[in-house]
Amino acid sequence: MAHSQPSITDAQQKPRFNLEQWLRGFFKGFLDRIAGVLLRLGISPNAVTLFGVLGNLAAAILLGLGHMLAGGLVILVIWPIDALDGSMARLKGAETKFGAFYDSVTDRYSELLIFGGLLYYFLVQDNILATMLTYLAAAGSVLVSYTRARAEAVGVSAKVGMLSRVERYLVLVPCLLFNIPMVALWILAVLTNFTALQRIYHVARSTHTLK
């Protein structure tokens, strides 16, 4: 009797620890209480998402002016808002495909705004190395998200790799608070692109492109 080929979701899709999901679960009760208050005030999830983008724009401006500590503090305050909009949509029973799309796209804008602020600062300082590291970190961060999205489009879950979005913030924010942005940029420039390559390799293995 012929044996069927294992599906993509069999051996390759072993459960993996996901820091972002763990954090959302750990703070779920707290986030739900805040989300409930915001909903009672008549604030929509999409408005909260937009507020997060504007907050990151403010952080980017501070970083562009060289205020690393202040920019890091703003990012630290704004960061939890990324989880609030999802909690609000769930409590409201208004989770939609557009809402998920809108949230994902604005997350990318927020991250690129932050890197844009750092890029401007280092360009003004005429620091070529830091400018190139910022570019590589930004490109790698986008590719980490893009490889996951494209993988899911072909039916493969690609939540693998060293530096997902939460881990990127856990690297960036402390380095900004301690005014050592170059340390963060070196780590992000290398590991975001390595993570993207990990996901490409994972998809190739999962689709039997690599034996």
N, C-alpha and C. Protein backbone atom coordinates (compact mmCIF):
# COMPACT_ATOMS: atom_id res chain seq x y z
N MET A 1 0.85 -1.19 0.00
CA MET A 1 0.00 0.00 0.00
C MET A 1 0.88 1.24 0.00
N ALA A 2 0.57 2.18 -0.87
CA ALA A 2 1.38 3.40 -1.00
C ALA A 2 1.19 4.29 0.20
N HIS A 3 2.26 4.87 0.60
CA HIS A 3 2.20 5.80 1.74
C HIS A 3 2.06 7.21 1.20
N SER A 4 1.15 7.99 1.76
CA SER A 4 0.96 9.36 1.31
C SER A 4 2.08 10.24 1.85
N GLN A 5 2.40 11.28 1.11
CA GLN A 5 3.40 12.23 1.55
C GLN A 5 2.90 12.97 2.77
N PRO A 6 3.75 13.20 3.77
CA PRO A 6 3.29 13.97 4.93
C PRO A 6 2.95 15.38 4.52
N SER A 7 1.91 15.91 5.09
CA SER A 7 1.49 17.27 4.75
C SER A 7 2.41 18.27 5.39
N ILE A 8 2.32 19.50 4.90
CA ILE A 8 3.16 20.58 5.43
C ILE A 8 2.93 20.77 6.92
N THR A 9 1.72 20.49 7.35
CA THR A 9 1.38 20.77 8.75
C THR A 9 1.71 19.61 9.67
N ASP A 10 2.35 18.54 9.16
CA ASP A 10 2.67 17.40 10.00
C ASP A 10 4.00 17.61 10.73
N ALA A 11 5.05 17.01 10.18
CA ALA A 11 6.31 17.00 10.90
C ALA A 11 6.92 18.38 11.03
N GLN A 12 6.74 19.20 9.99
CA GLN A 12 7.42 20.49 10.01
C GLN A 12 6.83 21.47 11.00
N GLN A 13 5.55 21.32 11.33
CA GLN A 13 4.87 22.33 12.14
C GLN A 13 4.80 21.92 13.60
N LYS A 14 5.96 21.74 14.23
CA LYS A 14 6.01 21.43 15.65
C LYS A 14 5.70 22.70 16.43
N PRO A 15 5.03 22.55 17.58
CA PRO A 15 4.71 23.74 18.38
C PRO A 15 5.99 24.46 18.80
N ARG A 16 6.01 25.75 18.65
CA ARG A 16 7.17 26.56 19.02
C ARG A 16 6.74 27.64 20.00
N PHE A 17 7.67 27.98 20.89
CA PHE A 17 7.38 29.05 21.83
C PHE A 17 7.32 30.37 21.08
N ASN A 18 6.25 31.13 21.32
CA ASN A 18 6.07 32.42 20.67
C ASN A 18 5.97 33.47 21.77
N LEU A 19 7.00 34.32 21.87
CA LEU A 19 7.06 35.30 22.95
C LEU A 19 5.90 36.28 22.90
N GLU A 20 5.54 36.72 21.69
CA GLU A 20 4.45 37.69 21.56
C GLU A 20 3.13 37.10 22.06
N GLN A 21 2.84 35.86 21.67
CA GLN A 21 1.61 35.22 22.12
C GLN A 21 1.64 35.00 23.63
N TRP A 22 2.81 34.63 24.16
CA TRP A 22 2.92 34.42 25.60
C TRP A 22 2.66 35.71 26.36
N LEU A 23 3.25 36.82 25.88
CA LEU A 23 3.04 38.11 26.55
C LEU A 23 1.58 38.54 26.50
N ARG A 24 0.95 38.33 25.32
CA ARG A 24 -0.47 38.68 25.21
C ARG A 24 -1.31 37.87 26.19
N GLY A 25 -0.98 36.58 26.32
CA GLY A 25 -1.71 35.73 27.25
C GLY A 25 -1.47 36.13 28.70
N PHE A 26 -0.22 36.46 29.03
CA PHE A 26 0.15 36.82 30.39
C PHE A 26 -0.55 38.10 30.84
N PHE A 27 -0.64 39.08 29.91
CA PHE A 27 -1.23 40.37 30.25
C PHE A 27 -2.68 40.49 29.78
N LYS A 28 -3.29 39.36 29.41
CA LYS A 28 -4.62 39.39 28.82
C LYS A 28 -5.65 40.07 29.73
N GLY A 29 -5.67 39.71 31.01
CA GLY A 29 -6.64 40.30 31.92
C GLY A 29 -6.47 41.80 32.05
N PHE A 30 -5.23 42.24 32.16
CA PHE A 30 -4.94 43.66 32.29
C PHE A 30 -5.33 44.41 31.02
N LEU A 31 -4.96 43.85 29.87
CA LEU A 31 -5.29 44.50 28.60
C LEU A 31 -6.79 44.54 28.37
N ASP A 32 -7.48 43.47 28.75
CA ASP A 32 -8.94 43.43 28.56
C ASP A 32 -9.64 44.50 29.39
N ARG A 33 -9.13 44.75 30.60
CA ARG A 33 -9.75 45.79 31.44
C ARG A 33 -9.58 47.17 30.82
N ILE A 34 -8.38 47.46 30.33
CA ILE A 34 -8.15 48.75 29.68
C ILE A 34 -8.97 48.86 28.40
N ALA A 35 -8.99 47.76 27.63
CA ALA A 35 -9.76 47.75 26.38
C ALA A 35 -11.24 48.00 26.65
N GLY A 36 -11.76 47.41 27.73
CA GLY A 36 -13.16 47.61 28.08
C GLY A 36 -13.46 49.06 28.40
N VAL A 37 -12.55 49.71 29.12
CA VAL A 37 -12.73 51.13 29.46
C VAL A 37 -12.74 51.98 28.20
N LEU A 38 -11.81 51.73 27.30
CA LEU A 38 -11.73 52.51 26.06
C LEU A 38 -12.98 52.31 25.21
N LEU A 39 -13.50 51.10 25.17
CA LEU A 39 -14.72 50.84 24.39
C LEU A 39 -15.91 51.58 24.99
N ARG A 40 -15.98 51.62 26.31
CA ARG A 40 -17.09 52.34 26.96
C ARG A 40 -17.00 53.84 26.71
N LEU A 41 -15.78 54.33 26.47
CA LEU A 41 -15.59 55.75 26.15
C LEU A 41 -15.91 56.04 24.68
N GLY A 42 -16.22 54.98 23.94
CA GLY A 42 -16.58 55.17 22.53
C GLY A 42 -15.39 55.22 21.59
N ILE A 43 -14.25 54.77 22.05
CA ILE A 43 -13.05 54.78 21.21
C ILE A 43 -12.99 53.48 20.42
N SER A 44 -12.70 53.57 19.13
CA SER A 44 -12.69 52.38 18.28
C SER A 44 -11.29 51.75 18.26
N PRO A 45 -11.21 50.45 17.98
CA PRO A 45 -9.88 49.80 17.87
C PRO A 45 -9.00 50.45 16.81
N ASN A 46 -9.57 50.83 15.68
CA ASN A 46 -8.76 51.45 14.63
C ASN A 46 -8.20 52.80 15.06
N ALA A 47 -8.95 53.53 15.90
CA ALA A 47 -8.46 54.80 16.41
C ALA A 47 -7.25 54.57 17.33
N VAL A 48 -7.31 53.52 18.13
CA VAL A 48 -6.18 53.18 19.00
C VAL A 48 -4.96 52.80 18.17
N THR A 49 -5.18 52.06 17.09
CA THR A 49 -4.09 51.69 16.20
C THR A 49 -3.43 52.94 15.62
N LEU A 50 -4.26 53.89 15.17
CA LEU A 50 -3.74 55.14 14.61
C LEU A 50 -2.97 55.93 15.66
N PHE A 51 -3.47 55.95 16.89
CA PHE A 51 -2.78 56.64 17.97
C PHE A 51 -1.39 56.04 18.19
N GLY A 52 -1.30 54.72 18.07
CA GLY A 52 0.00 54.06 18.20
C GLY A 52 0.98 54.52 17.15
N VAL A 53 0.50 54.67 15.92
CA VAL A 53 1.37 55.16 14.83
C VAL A 53 1.84 56.58 15.12
N LEU A 54 0.93 57.43 15.58
CA LEU A 54 1.29 58.82 15.89
C LEU A 54 2.29 58.88 17.04
N GLY A 55 2.12 57.99 18.00
CA GLY A 55 3.07 57.93 19.11
C GLY A 55 4.46 57.55 18.64
N ASN A 56 4.52 56.58 17.73
CA ASN A 56 5.82 56.19 17.18
C ASN A 56 6.41 57.27 16.29
N LEU A 57 5.55 58.06 15.65
CA LEU A 57 6.04 59.21 14.88
C LEU A 57 6.70 60.22 15.82
N ALA A 58 6.07 60.46 16.97
CA ALA A 58 6.67 61.36 17.96
C ALA A 58 8.01 60.82 18.44
N ALA A 59 8.08 59.50 18.66
CA ALA A 59 9.34 58.89 19.08
C ALA A 59 10.40 59.06 17.99
N ALA A 60 10.00 58.89 16.73
CA ALA A 60 10.93 59.02 15.62
C ALA A 60 11.50 60.43 15.54
N ILE A 61 10.66 61.43 15.78
CA ILE A 61 11.12 62.82 15.77
C ILE A 61 12.15 63.06 16.87
N LEU A 62 11.86 62.52 18.06
CA LEU A 62 12.80 62.65 19.17
C LEU A 62 14.13 61.98 18.85
N LEU A 63 14.06 60.79 18.26
CA LEU A 63 15.29 60.08 17.90
C LEU A 63 16.06 60.86 16.83
N GLY A 64 15.34 61.43 15.87
CA GLY A 64 15.98 62.21 14.82
C GLY A 64 16.71 63.42 15.36
N LEU A 65 16.21 63.94 16.49
CA LEU A 65 16.85 65.09 17.12
C LEU A 65 17.94 64.68 18.10
N GLY A 66 18.14 63.37 18.24
CA GLY A 66 19.21 62.87 19.10
C GLY A 66 18.81 62.60 20.53
N HIS A 67 17.51 62.67 20.83
CA HIS A 67 17.04 62.43 22.20
C HIS A 67 16.71 60.94 22.35
N MET A 68 17.75 60.11 22.51
CA MET A 68 17.57 58.66 22.54
C MET A 68 16.75 58.20 23.74
N LEU A 69 17.05 58.76 24.91
CA LEU A 69 16.32 58.37 26.12
C LEU A 69 14.84 58.70 25.99
N ALA A 70 14.53 59.93 25.58
CA ALA A 70 13.14 60.34 25.45
C ALA A 70 12.42 59.51 24.39
N GLY A 71 13.09 59.28 23.26
CA GLY A 71 12.49 58.46 22.21
C GLY A 71 12.23 57.05 22.69
N GLY A 72 13.17 56.48 23.41
CA GLY A 72 12.99 55.14 23.96
C GLY A 72 11.83 55.06 24.94
N LEU A 73 11.69 56.10 25.77
CA LEU A 73 10.58 56.12 26.74
C LEU A 73 9.23 56.20 26.04
N VAL A 74 9.15 57.00 24.97
CA VAL A 74 7.89 57.09 24.22
C VAL A 74 7.54 55.75 23.59
N ILE A 75 8.53 55.09 23.01
CA ILE A 75 8.29 53.77 22.41
C ILE A 75 7.83 52.78 23.48
N LEU A 76 8.46 52.85 24.65
CA LEU A 76 8.10 51.95 25.74
C LEU A 76 6.66 52.15 26.19
N VAL A 77 6.20 53.40 26.19
CA VAL A 77 4.82 53.70 26.58
C VAL A 77 3.84 53.29 25.49
N ILE A 78 4.22 53.52 24.24
CA ILE A 78 3.33 53.24 23.11
C ILE A 78 3.23 51.75 22.81
N TRP A 79 4.28 51.02 23.11
CA TRP A 79 4.37 49.60 22.75
C TRP A 79 3.14 48.79 23.14
N PRO A 80 2.62 48.89 24.39
CA PRO A 80 1.45 48.08 24.76
C PRO A 80 0.20 48.38 23.94
N ILE A 81 0.15 49.55 23.32
CA ILE A 81 -1.03 49.90 22.53
C ILE A 81 -1.20 48.95 21.34
N ASP A 82 -0.07 48.38 20.88
CA ASP A 82 -0.14 47.42 19.78
C ASP A 82 -1.02 46.22 20.13
N ALA A 83 -1.07 45.88 21.40
CA ALA A 83 -1.89 44.75 21.82
C ALA A 83 -3.31 45.18 22.17
N LEU A 84 -3.50 46.46 22.51
CA LEU A 84 -4.81 46.94 22.95
C LEU A 84 -5.86 46.89 21.85
N ASP A 85 -5.47 47.26 20.62
CA ASP A 85 -6.46 47.32 19.55
C ASP A 85 -7.05 45.93 19.27
N GLY A 86 -6.19 44.91 19.33
CA GLY A 86 -6.68 43.55 19.13
C GLY A 86 -7.62 43.11 20.23
N SER A 87 -7.29 43.46 21.48
CA SER A 87 -8.16 43.12 22.61
C SER A 87 -9.51 43.83 22.49
N MET A 88 -9.47 45.08 22.05
CA MET A 88 -10.72 45.85 21.89
C MET A 88 -11.62 45.23 20.82
N ALA A 89 -11.00 44.85 19.69
CA ALA A 89 -11.78 44.25 18.60
C ALA A 89 -12.40 42.93 19.05
N ARG A 90 -11.64 42.15 19.82
CA ARG A 90 -12.16 40.86 20.29
C ARG A 90 -13.32 41.06 21.27
N LEU A 91 -13.16 42.00 22.22
CA LEU A 91 -14.22 42.25 23.20
C LEU A 91 -15.47 42.82 22.54
N LYS A 92 -15.26 43.60 21.51
CA LYS A 92 -16.38 44.22 20.80
C LYS A 92 -17.05 43.25 19.83
N GLY A 93 -16.37 42.12 19.58
CA GLY A 93 -16.88 41.18 18.59
C GLY A 93 -16.82 41.73 17.20
N ALA A 94 -15.79 42.56 16.96
CA ALA A 94 -15.70 43.25 15.67
C ALA A 94 -14.38 42.94 14.97
N GLU A 95 -13.84 41.75 15.19
CA GLU A 95 -12.62 41.35 14.50
C GLU A 95 -12.91 41.14 13.03
N THR A 96 -12.22 41.84 12.17
CA THR A 96 -12.46 41.75 10.73
C THR A 96 -11.15 41.52 9.99
N LYS A 97 -11.25 41.08 8.76
CA LYS A 97 -10.06 40.89 7.94
C LYS A 97 -9.36 42.22 7.71
N PHE A 98 -10.15 43.29 7.49
CA PHE A 98 -9.52 44.59 7.28
C PHE A 98 -8.82 45.06 8.55
N GLY A 99 -9.43 44.81 9.72
CA GLY A 99 -8.81 45.21 10.97
C GLY A 99 -7.46 44.56 11.17
N ALA A 100 -7.37 43.25 10.87
CA ALA A 100 -6.10 42.54 10.99
C ALA A 100 -5.08 43.08 9.99
N PHE A 101 -5.56 43.35 8.76
CA PHE A 101 -4.69 43.91 7.71
C PHE A 101 -4.19 45.30 8.12
N TYR A 102 -5.09 46.14 8.59
CA TYR A 102 -4.78 47.51 9.00
C TYR A 102 -3.76 47.52 10.14
N ASP A 103 -3.97 46.63 11.10
CA ASP A 103 -3.08 46.53 12.25
C ASP A 103 -1.68 46.11 11.81
N SER A 104 -1.62 45.13 10.91
CA SER A 104 -0.32 44.64 10.44
C SER A 104 0.43 45.71 9.66
N VAL A 105 -0.28 46.41 8.78
CA VAL A 105 0.36 47.45 7.97
C VAL A 105 0.86 48.60 8.84
N THR A 106 0.05 49.04 9.79
CA THR A 106 0.46 50.14 10.65
C THR A 106 1.63 49.74 11.56
N ASP A 107 1.71 48.45 11.92
CA ASP A 107 2.88 47.99 12.67
C ASP A 107 4.15 48.20 11.86
N ARG A 108 4.08 47.91 10.56
CA ARG A 108 5.26 48.10 9.71
C ARG A 108 5.61 49.59 9.60
N TYR A 109 4.58 50.43 9.44
CA TYR A 109 4.83 51.88 9.39
C TYR A 109 5.48 52.37 10.68
N SER A 110 4.97 51.90 11.81
CA SER A 110 5.52 52.34 13.10
C SER A 110 6.99 52.00 13.22
N GLU A 111 7.32 50.77 12.83
CA GLU A 111 8.72 50.35 12.94
C GLU A 111 9.62 51.14 11.99
N LEU A 112 9.13 51.36 10.77
CA LEU A 112 9.93 52.12 9.81
C LEU A 112 10.07 53.58 10.20
N LEU A 113 9.06 54.13 10.87
CA LEU A 113 9.19 55.50 11.37
C LEU A 113 10.33 55.60 12.37
N ILE A 114 10.42 54.63 13.25
CA ILE A 114 11.49 54.63 14.26
C ILE A 114 12.86 54.54 13.59
N PHE A 115 12.98 53.62 12.64
CA PHE A 115 14.25 53.51 11.92
C PHE A 115 14.53 54.78 11.10
N GLY A 116 13.47 55.41 10.59
CA GLY A 116 13.64 56.65 9.85
C GLY A 116 14.20 57.75 10.72
N GLY A 117 13.74 57.82 11.97
CA GLY A 117 14.27 58.80 12.90
C GLY A 117 15.75 58.57 13.17
N LEU A 118 16.12 57.32 13.39
CA LEU A 118 17.53 57.00 13.62
C LEU A 118 18.37 57.28 12.38
N LEU A 119 17.81 56.96 11.20
CA LEU A 119 18.53 57.19 9.95
C LEU A 119 18.82 58.68 9.76
N TYR A 120 17.82 59.52 10.03
CA TYR A 120 18.01 60.97 9.90
C TYR A 120 19.10 61.46 10.86
N TYR A 121 19.04 60.99 12.09
CA TYR A 121 20.02 61.42 13.10
C TYR A 121 21.44 61.08 12.65
N PHE A 122 21.64 59.85 12.19
CA PHE A 122 23.00 59.44 11.82
C PHE A 122 23.45 60.07 10.50
N LEU A 123 22.51 60.40 9.61
CA LEU A 123 22.88 61.14 8.41
C LEU A 123 23.38 62.53 8.76
N VAL A 124 22.69 63.20 9.69
CA VAL A 124 23.11 64.53 10.13
C VAL A 124 24.49 64.46 10.80
N GLN A 125 24.72 63.36 11.53
CA GLN A 125 26.01 63.18 12.20
C GLN A 125 27.10 62.74 11.23
N ASP A 126 26.72 62.47 9.97
CA ASP A 126 27.65 62.00 8.95
C ASP A 126 28.32 60.68 9.38
N ASN A 127 27.53 59.84 10.04
CA ASN A 127 28.02 58.54 10.50
C ASN A 127 27.58 57.49 9.48
N ILE A 128 28.46 57.18 8.54
CA ILE A 128 28.11 56.28 7.44
C ILE A 128 27.84 54.87 7.94
N LEU A 129 28.66 54.38 8.86
CA LEU A 129 28.47 53.02 9.37
C LEU A 129 27.10 52.87 10.03
N ALA A 130 26.77 53.81 10.90
CA ALA A 130 25.48 53.75 11.59
C ALA A 130 24.33 53.88 10.60
N THR A 131 24.50 54.70 9.58
CA THR A 131 23.46 54.86 8.55
C THR A 131 23.22 53.54 7.83
N MET A 132 24.29 52.85 7.45
CA MET A 132 24.15 51.57 6.76
C MET A 132 23.56 50.51 7.68
N LEU A 133 23.94 50.51 8.94
CA LEU A 133 23.37 49.55 9.89
C LEU A 133 21.88 49.79 10.09
N THR A 134 21.49 51.06 10.12
CA THR A 134 20.07 51.39 10.26
C THR A 134 19.29 50.89 9.05
N TYR A 135 19.86 51.11 7.87
CA TYR A 135 19.20 50.61 6.64
C TYR A 135 19.06 49.09 6.68
N LEU A 136 20.12 48.39 7.05
CA LEU A 136 20.08 46.92 7.09
C LEU A 136 19.09 46.43 8.14
N ALA A 137 19.04 47.11 9.28
CA ALA A 137 18.09 46.73 10.33
C ALA A 137 16.65 46.93 9.87
N ALA A 138 16.40 48.06 9.20
CA ALA A 138 15.05 48.33 8.69
C ALA A 138 14.66 47.32 7.61
N ALA A 139 15.58 47.06 6.69
CA ALA A 139 15.30 46.10 5.62
C ALA A 139 15.05 44.71 6.19
N GLY A 140 15.88 44.30 7.13
CA GLY A 140 15.71 42.99 7.75
C GLY A 140 14.41 42.86 8.50
N SER A 141 14.01 43.92 9.20
CA SER A 141 12.75 43.90 9.96
C SER A 141 11.55 43.73 9.04
N VAL A 142 11.57 44.45 7.91
CA VAL A 142 10.49 44.32 6.94
C VAL A 142 10.47 42.92 6.34
N LEU A 143 11.65 42.38 6.03
CA LEU A 143 11.73 41.05 5.43
C LEU A 143 11.28 39.95 6.38
N VAL A 144 11.51 40.13 7.67
CA VAL A 144 11.02 39.14 8.65
C VAL A 144 9.50 39.04 8.56
N SER A 145 8.83 40.19 8.51
CA SER A 145 7.38 40.20 8.42
C SER A 145 6.91 39.72 7.05
N TYR A 146 7.61 40.14 5.98
CA TYR A 146 7.19 39.80 4.63
C TYR A 146 7.33 38.30 4.38
N THR A 147 8.42 37.69 4.84
CA THR A 147 8.60 36.26 4.62
C THR A 147 7.51 35.46 5.32
N ARG A 148 7.11 35.90 6.51
CA ARG A 148 6.02 35.20 7.19
C ARG A 148 4.71 35.34 6.42
N ALA A 149 4.42 36.56 5.95
CA ALA A 149 3.18 36.79 5.21
C ALA A 149 3.14 35.97 3.92
N ARG A 150 4.25 35.94 3.19
CA ARG A 150 4.29 35.18 1.94
C ARG A 150 4.23 33.69 2.20
N ALA A 151 4.83 33.25 3.30
CA ALA A 151 4.76 31.83 3.66
C ALA A 151 3.31 31.42 3.92
N GLU A 152 2.61 32.25 4.69
CA GLU A 152 1.21 31.94 5.00
C GLU A 152 0.35 31.95 3.74
N ALA A 153 0.74 32.77 2.75
CA ALA A 153 -0.01 32.83 1.50
C ALA A 153 0.09 31.52 0.72
N VAL A 154 1.18 30.76 0.94
CA VAL A 154 1.32 29.46 0.26
C VAL A 154 1.02 28.30 1.20
N GLY A 155 0.44 28.62 2.36
CA GLY A 155 -0.03 27.58 3.25
C GLY A 155 0.98 27.05 4.25
N VAL A 156 2.02 27.83 4.54
CA VAL A 156 3.04 27.41 5.49
C VAL A 156 3.10 28.41 6.64
N SER A 157 3.06 27.92 7.86
CA SER A 157 3.23 28.80 9.02
C SER A 157 4.73 29.01 9.23
N ALA A 158 5.15 30.26 9.28
CA ALA A 158 6.58 30.56 9.39
C ALA A 158 6.89 31.40 10.61
N LYS A 159 6.31 31.02 11.75
CA LYS A 159 6.59 31.74 12.99
C LYS A 159 7.87 31.19 13.61
N VAL A 160 8.94 31.27 12.84
CA VAL A 160 10.22 30.73 13.29
C VAL A 160 11.25 31.84 13.23
N GLY A 161 12.41 31.56 13.79
CA GLY A 161 13.49 32.54 13.70
C GLY A 161 13.77 33.22 15.03
N MET A 162 14.89 33.90 15.07
CA MET A 162 15.39 34.46 16.31
C MET A 162 14.76 35.79 16.69
N LEU A 163 14.40 36.61 15.70
CA LEU A 163 14.07 38.00 16.03
C LEU A 163 12.75 38.43 15.40
N SER A 164 11.65 38.02 16.02
CA SER A 164 10.33 38.51 15.61
C SER A 164 10.15 39.93 16.16
N ARG A 165 8.98 40.50 15.96
CA ARG A 165 8.79 41.92 16.29
C ARG A 165 9.00 42.21 17.78
N VAL A 166 8.48 41.36 18.65
CA VAL A 166 8.64 41.59 20.09
C VAL A 166 10.11 41.57 20.47
N GLU A 167 10.85 40.57 19.98
CA GLU A 167 12.28 40.49 20.29
C GLU A 167 13.03 41.71 19.76
N ARG A 168 12.60 42.24 18.62
CA ARG A 168 13.27 43.43 18.08
C ARG A 168 13.11 44.62 19.03
N TYR A 169 11.90 44.78 19.58
CA TYR A 169 11.68 45.86 20.54
C TYR A 169 12.45 45.62 21.83
N LEU A 170 12.57 44.36 22.23
CA LEU A 170 13.33 44.05 23.45
C LEU A 170 14.81 44.34 23.28
N VAL A 171 15.29 44.35 22.06
CA VAL A 171 16.67 44.76 21.78
C VAL A 171 16.77 46.28 21.68
N LEU A 172 15.86 46.88 20.92
CA LEU A 172 15.97 48.31 20.61
C LEU A 172 15.72 49.21 21.80
N VAL A 173 14.62 48.99 22.52
CA VAL A 173 14.22 49.93 23.58
C VAL A 173 15.27 50.06 24.68
N PRO A 174 15.77 48.96 25.28
CA PRO A 174 16.80 49.14 26.32
C PRO A 174 18.05 49.86 25.82
N CYS A 175 18.44 49.59 24.57
CA CYS A 175 19.63 50.26 24.02
C CYS A 175 19.40 51.76 23.85
N LEU A 176 18.17 52.14 23.49
CA LEU A 176 17.85 53.56 23.40
C LEU A 176 17.84 54.20 24.79
N LEU A 177 17.26 53.51 25.76
CA LEU A 177 17.20 54.05 27.12
C LEU A 177 18.59 54.27 27.71
N PHE A 178 19.53 53.39 27.35
CA PHE A 178 20.90 53.52 27.85
C PHE A 178 21.81 54.27 26.87
N ASN A 179 21.18 54.84 25.83
CA ASN A 179 21.89 55.67 24.85
C ASN A 179 23.04 54.91 24.18
N ILE A 180 22.75 53.66 23.81
CA ILE A 180 23.74 52.87 23.06
C ILE A 180 23.05 52.32 21.80
N PRO A 181 22.55 53.21 20.94
CA PRO A 181 21.81 52.74 19.77
C PRO A 181 22.63 51.89 18.82
N MET A 182 23.95 52.12 18.77
CA MET A 182 24.79 51.35 17.86
C MET A 182 24.77 49.86 18.21
N VAL A 183 24.68 49.56 19.50
CA VAL A 183 24.61 48.15 19.92
C VAL A 183 23.35 47.50 19.35
N ALA A 184 22.23 48.21 19.48
CA ALA A 184 20.97 47.70 18.95
C ALA A 184 21.04 47.53 17.43
N LEU A 185 21.64 48.51 16.76
CA LEU A 185 21.69 48.46 15.30
C LEU A 185 22.54 47.30 14.79
N TRP A 186 23.65 47.02 15.45
CA TRP A 186 24.46 45.87 15.07
C TRP A 186 23.67 44.57 15.22
N ILE A 187 23.02 44.43 16.36
CA ILE A 187 22.25 43.21 16.62
C ILE A 187 21.11 43.06 15.61
N LEU A 188 20.37 44.15 15.40
CA LEU A 188 19.21 44.11 14.51
C LEU A 188 19.63 43.92 13.05
N ALA A 189 20.70 44.59 12.64
CA ALA A 189 21.15 44.48 11.25
C ALA A 189 21.52 43.04 10.90
N VAL A 190 22.15 42.36 11.85
CA VAL A 190 22.57 40.98 11.59
C VAL A 190 21.43 39.99 11.79
N LEU A 191 20.77 40.07 12.94
CA LEU A 191 19.83 39.01 13.30
C LEU A 191 18.47 39.11 12.60
N THR A 192 18.05 40.31 12.20
CA THR A 192 16.78 40.38 11.45
C THR A 192 16.95 39.70 10.09
N ASN A 193 18.06 39.97 9.44
CA ASN A 193 18.28 39.34 8.14
C ASN A 193 18.53 37.85 8.28
N PHE A 194 19.17 37.45 9.36
CA PHE A 194 19.35 36.02 9.61
C PHE A 194 18.00 35.34 9.85
N THR A 195 17.11 36.03 10.56
CA THR A 195 15.77 35.50 10.80
C THR A 195 15.00 35.33 9.50
N ALA A 196 15.11 36.32 8.61
CA ALA A 196 14.45 36.21 7.31
C ALA A 196 14.97 35.00 6.54
N LEU A 197 16.29 34.78 6.59
CA LEU A 197 16.87 33.62 5.92
C LEU A 197 16.40 32.31 6.57
N GLN A 198 16.25 32.32 7.91
CA GLN A 198 15.71 31.15 8.59
C GLN A 198 14.32 30.81 8.07
N ARG A 199 13.50 31.82 7.87
CA ARG A 199 12.13 31.59 7.41
C ARG A 199 12.11 31.10 5.96
N ILE A 200 13.00 31.65 5.14
CA ILE A 200 13.10 31.17 3.76
C ILE A 200 13.48 29.69 3.75
N TYR A 201 14.45 29.33 4.56
CA TYR A 201 14.89 27.94 4.65
C TYR A 201 13.75 27.05 5.16
N HIS A 202 13.02 27.54 6.16
CA HIS A 202 11.90 26.78 6.73
C HIS A 202 10.83 26.51 5.67
N VAL A 203 10.51 27.52 4.88
CA VAL A 203 9.49 27.34 3.83
C VAL A 203 9.99 26.37 2.77
N ALA A 204 11.27 26.48 2.42
CA ALA A 204 11.83 25.55 1.44
C ALA A 204 11.75 24.11 1.94
N ARG A 205 12.05 23.88 3.21
CA ARG A 205 11.96 22.54 3.78
C ARG A 205 10.51 22.09 3.85
N SER A 206 9.61 22.98 4.25
CA SER A 206 8.21 22.60 4.43
C SER A 206 7.51 22.28 3.12
N THR A 207 7.96 22.91 2.05
CA THR A 207 7.34 22.65 0.74
C THR A 207 8.14 21.60 -0.04
N HIS A 208 9.08 20.93 0.66
CA HIS A 208 9.87 19.85 0.06
C HIS A 208 10.74 20.34 -1.09
N THR A 209 11.03 21.65 -1.10
CA THR A 209 11.95 22.17 -2.10
C THR A 209 13.37 21.71 -1.78
N LEU A 210 13.66 21.65 -0.46
CA LEU A 210 14.94 21.10 0.00
C LEU A 210 14.67 19.74 0.62
N LYS A 211 15.43 18.75 0.30
CA LYS A 211 15.27 17.39 0.84
C LYS A 211 16.27 17.17 1.96
